Protein backbone atom coordinates (compact mmCIF):
# COMPACT_ATOMS: atom_id res chain seq x y z
CA UNK A 1 144.16 102.11 129.24
CA UNK A 2 144.93 98.39 128.84
CA UNK A 3 146.00 96.24 131.81
CA UNK A 4 149.45 95.72 130.27
CA UNK A 5 150.08 99.48 130.00
CA UNK A 6 148.86 99.98 133.57
CA UNK A 7 151.18 97.29 134.91
CA UNK A 8 154.16 98.76 133.04
CA UNK A 9 153.57 102.37 134.08
CA UNK A 10 152.27 101.88 137.62
CA UNK A 11 154.17 102.38 140.86
CA UNK A 12 153.93 99.17 142.89
CA UNK A 13 153.08 99.48 146.57
CA UNK A 14 153.74 96.67 149.07
CA UNK A 15 152.62 98.55 152.18
CA UNK A 16 149.65 97.49 154.26
CA UNK A 17 146.80 99.97 153.88
CA UNK A 18 146.14 101.92 157.07
CA UNK A 19 142.59 102.55 158.21
CA UNK A 20 141.67 106.22 157.81
CA UNK A 21 138.56 108.40 158.12
CA UNK A 22 138.28 109.22 154.43
CA UNK A 23 139.03 107.65 151.08
CA UNK A 24 139.60 109.72 147.95
CA UNK A 25 138.88 108.00 144.64
CA UNK A 26 141.20 109.38 141.94
CA UNK A 27 144.31 110.99 143.40
CA UNK A 28 144.68 113.48 140.57
CA UNK A 29 142.99 116.20 142.62
CA UNK A 30 141.82 116.58 146.23
CA UNK A 31 139.97 119.84 147.01
CA UNK A 32 138.52 118.32 150.19
CA UNK A 33 141.68 119.14 152.16
CA UNK A 34 140.18 122.63 152.43
CA UNK A 35 137.94 121.07 155.08
CA UNK A 36 139.81 117.97 156.25
CA UNK A 37 143.42 117.19 157.09
CA UNK A 38 145.38 115.46 154.33
CA UNK A 39 146.66 112.83 156.78
CA UNK A 40 143.06 111.60 157.26
CA UNK A 41 142.84 110.45 153.63
CA UNK A 42 143.74 107.25 151.86
CA UNK A 43 143.90 107.56 148.08
CA UNK A 44 142.58 104.98 145.65
CA UNK A 45 144.35 105.71 142.35
CA UNK A 46 141.79 105.14 139.63
CA UNK A 47 144.11 105.83 136.69
CA UNK A 48 146.59 103.08 137.56
CA UNK A 49 149.31 105.42 138.88
CA UNK A 50 149.85 103.17 141.89
CA UNK A 51 148.81 99.57 142.52
CA UNK A 52 148.80 97.95 145.94
CA UNK A 53 150.19 94.42 145.54
CA UNK A 54 148.40 93.11 148.66
CA UNK A 55 145.06 94.15 147.18
CA UNK A 56 145.97 92.78 143.75
CA UNK A 57 146.82 89.38 145.27
CA UNK A 58 143.36 89.25 146.86
CA UNK A 59 141.82 89.90 143.46
CA UNK A 60 143.91 87.11 141.94
CA UNK A 61 142.70 84.66 144.61
CA UNK A 62 139.14 85.74 143.74
CA UNK A 63 139.91 84.98 140.07
CA UNK A 64 138.55 88.48 139.45
CA UNK A 65 141.12 91.14 138.48
CA UNK A 66 138.55 93.81 137.67
CA UNK A 67 138.67 97.46 138.69
CA UNK A 68 135.50 97.10 140.74
CA UNK A 69 136.82 94.08 142.68
CA UNK A 70 140.09 95.93 143.32
CA UNK A 71 138.06 98.91 144.58
CA UNK A 72 136.02 96.65 146.88
CA UNK A 73 139.08 95.09 148.56
CA UNK A 74 140.91 98.43 148.80
CA UNK A 75 137.92 100.10 150.45
CA UNK A 76 137.48 97.21 152.87
CA UNK A 77 141.14 97.48 153.93
CA UNK A 78 140.91 101.28 154.25
CA UNK A 79 137.62 101.13 156.24
CA UNK A 80 136.66 104.81 155.65
CA UNK A 81 133.65 106.63 157.06
CA UNK A 82 133.14 108.53 153.82
CA UNK A 83 134.34 108.07 150.23
CA UNK A 84 135.00 111.21 148.15
CA UNK A 85 135.71 112.01 144.53
CA UNK A 86 136.29 115.35 142.80
CA UNK A 87 135.45 113.79 139.41
CA UNK A 88 131.74 113.28 138.76
CA UNK A 89 131.90 111.56 135.37
CA UNK A 90 133.37 108.12 136.14
CA UNK A 91 130.58 105.48 136.37
CA UNK A 92 132.66 103.15 138.55
CA UNK A 93 132.24 105.61 141.44
CA UNK A 94 128.45 105.28 141.17
CA UNK A 95 128.75 101.54 141.93
CA UNK A 96 130.78 101.88 145.14
CA UNK A 97 127.83 102.41 147.49
CA UNK A 98 126.23 99.20 146.28
CA UNK A 99 129.31 97.02 146.94
CA UNK A 100 130.48 98.62 150.22
CA UNK A 101 127.45 100.28 151.87
CA UNK A 102 129.74 103.19 152.84
CA UNK A 103 128.53 106.76 152.25
CA UNK A 104 129.82 108.38 149.05
CA UNK A 105 130.16 112.03 148.00
CA UNK A 106 131.05 113.61 144.69
CA UNK A 107 131.37 117.15 143.34
CA UNK A 108 131.08 118.44 139.79
CA UNK A 109 134.33 118.90 137.88
CA UNK A 110 133.77 121.25 134.96
CA UNK A 111 130.68 122.08 132.93
CA UNK A 112 128.18 119.40 131.90
CA UNK A 113 126.23 119.94 128.68
CA UNK A 114 124.59 117.75 126.06
CA UNK A 115 127.43 118.56 123.66
CA UNK A 116 129.84 116.97 126.17
CA UNK A 117 128.13 113.67 125.32
CA UNK A 118 127.38 112.76 128.95
CA UNK A 119 123.61 113.12 129.25
CA UNK A 120 123.04 111.99 125.65
CA UNK A 121 125.33 108.94 125.86
CA UNK A 122 122.96 106.04 125.20
CA UNK A 123 125.30 103.40 126.69
CA UNK A 124 125.58 105.47 129.86
CA UNK A 125 121.78 105.74 130.05
CA UNK A 126 121.26 102.00 129.69
CA UNK A 127 123.99 101.16 132.21
CA UNK A 128 122.51 103.55 134.76
CA UNK A 129 119.22 101.60 134.62
CA UNK A 130 120.85 98.19 134.87
CA UNK A 131 123.44 99.09 137.49
CA UNK A 132 121.12 101.17 139.66
CA UNK A 133 123.75 103.87 140.17
CA UNK A 134 123.69 105.62 143.55
CA UNK A 135 125.74 108.31 145.31
CA UNK A 136 124.74 109.56 148.76
CA UNK A 137 125.71 113.23 148.35
CA UNK A 138 125.97 114.88 144.94
CA UNK A 139 127.09 118.52 144.75
CA UNK A 140 126.58 120.14 141.34
CA UNK A 141 126.72 123.58 139.74
CA UNK A 142 123.02 124.27 139.27
CA UNK A 143 119.47 122.90 139.27
CA UNK A 144 119.53 122.13 135.54
CA UNK A 145 122.58 119.86 135.93
CA UNK A 146 120.96 118.23 138.97
CA UNK A 147 117.80 117.50 136.98
CA UNK A 148 119.79 115.84 134.19
CA UNK A 149 121.91 113.74 136.54
CA UNK A 150 118.80 112.61 138.43
CA UNK A 151 117.78 110.71 135.29
CA UNK A 152 120.97 108.64 135.58
CA UNK A 153 122.00 108.49 139.25
CA UNK A 154 119.99 108.23 142.45
CA UNK A 155 121.05 110.14 145.57
CA UNK A 156 120.75 113.40 147.49
CA UNK A 157 121.36 116.40 145.22
CA UNK A 158 122.63 119.85 146.15
CA UNK A 159 123.02 122.85 143.86
CA UNK A 160 126.02 124.81 145.21
CA UNK A 161 127.73 126.39 142.21
CA UNK A 162 131.41 125.56 141.77
CA UNK A 163 132.91 123.84 144.83
CA UNK A 164 136.36 125.21 143.92
CA UNK A 165 135.23 128.77 143.17
CA UNK A 166 133.36 128.93 146.48
CA UNK A 167 136.76 129.09 148.21
CA UNK A 168 137.70 132.29 146.38
CA UNK A 169 137.00 135.60 148.08
CA UNK A 170 135.35 138.24 145.90
CA UNK A 171 137.12 141.58 145.60
CA UNK A 172 134.58 144.22 144.65
CA UNK A 173 137.10 147.06 145.09
CA UNK A 174 138.65 146.32 141.71
CA UNK A 175 135.32 145.91 139.94
CA UNK A 176 135.03 147.87 136.68
CA UNK A 177 131.98 149.00 134.75
CA UNK A 178 132.58 146.53 131.97
CA UNK A 179 130.77 143.64 130.30
CA UNK A 180 132.55 140.30 130.03
CA UNK A 181 131.40 137.83 127.38
CA UNK A 182 132.63 134.23 127.74
CA UNK A 183 131.93 131.99 124.77
CA UNK A 184 131.47 128.21 125.07
CA UNK A 185 133.11 127.48 121.72
CA UNK A 186 135.29 124.39 121.40
CA UNK A 187 138.57 123.73 119.61
CA UNK A 188 140.03 120.42 118.49
CA UNK A 189 143.54 119.03 119.07
CA UNK A 190 144.88 121.20 116.22
CA UNK A 191 143.51 124.38 117.84
CA UNK A 192 140.91 124.70 115.10
CA UNK A 193 137.34 125.77 115.79
CA UNK A 194 135.26 122.63 116.36
CA UNK A 195 131.94 123.98 117.51
CA UNK A 196 130.54 127.49 117.44
CA UNK A 197 127.76 128.30 119.89
CA UNK A 198 124.50 129.62 118.54
CA UNK A 199 124.27 133.45 118.45
CA UNK A 200 127.92 133.94 119.48
CA UNK A 201 128.51 136.18 116.46
CA UNK A 202 125.37 138.20 117.17
CA UNK A 203 126.36 138.81 120.81
CA UNK A 204 129.92 139.78 119.88
CA UNK A 205 128.73 142.25 117.23
CA UNK A 206 126.23 143.81 119.63
CA UNK A 207 128.95 144.29 122.25
CA UNK A 208 131.20 145.94 119.67
CA UNK A 209 128.43 148.38 118.73
CA UNK A 210 127.81 149.14 122.39
CA UNK A 211 131.52 149.83 122.92
CA UNK A 212 131.59 152.29 120.01
CA UNK A 213 128.51 154.11 121.34
CA UNK A 214 130.13 154.53 124.76
């Protein structure tokens, strides 16, 4: 999004930023309130939904109105003990530790595959080497995803499954003797099939045969 569009659509905030224990980067979603009180969080809106004028003025005096410089001043004013994000795929978050020396934590949001163009993005790979990306605590779905991210970002990795799904209690009383097949196919903006996963047809046909036998 261009700076002009951000300025036109943003909500302008004149309030002084209060010092709080935690800072959430990207206010679109905050699952961390399952563990911590909402009042202990400041929110740094990454998508331009809200702009703090006091912080923007500091950037203007620096002659540097970049997102990273805005982040730096916002974080300094907030003075958090820990910086969170629930979105793992925004490179600007990987730079925060380097400019603030405050501990950072991120969780995985959605599946990460080579077809998602994250691990195979050549620009991302080159930037990760030059920028020396680092996040203190990185919580991902599985070991495979951890291994791929380790090629791009340094930090302490933990394989925990889905952070969100771990809050859901399992109900085995309603469990049925059935087989559930979930395909990873993709559709485009016109709801047309964009990508068909290998052997999807074979698996579906085998399940149909099994159903008829039973």
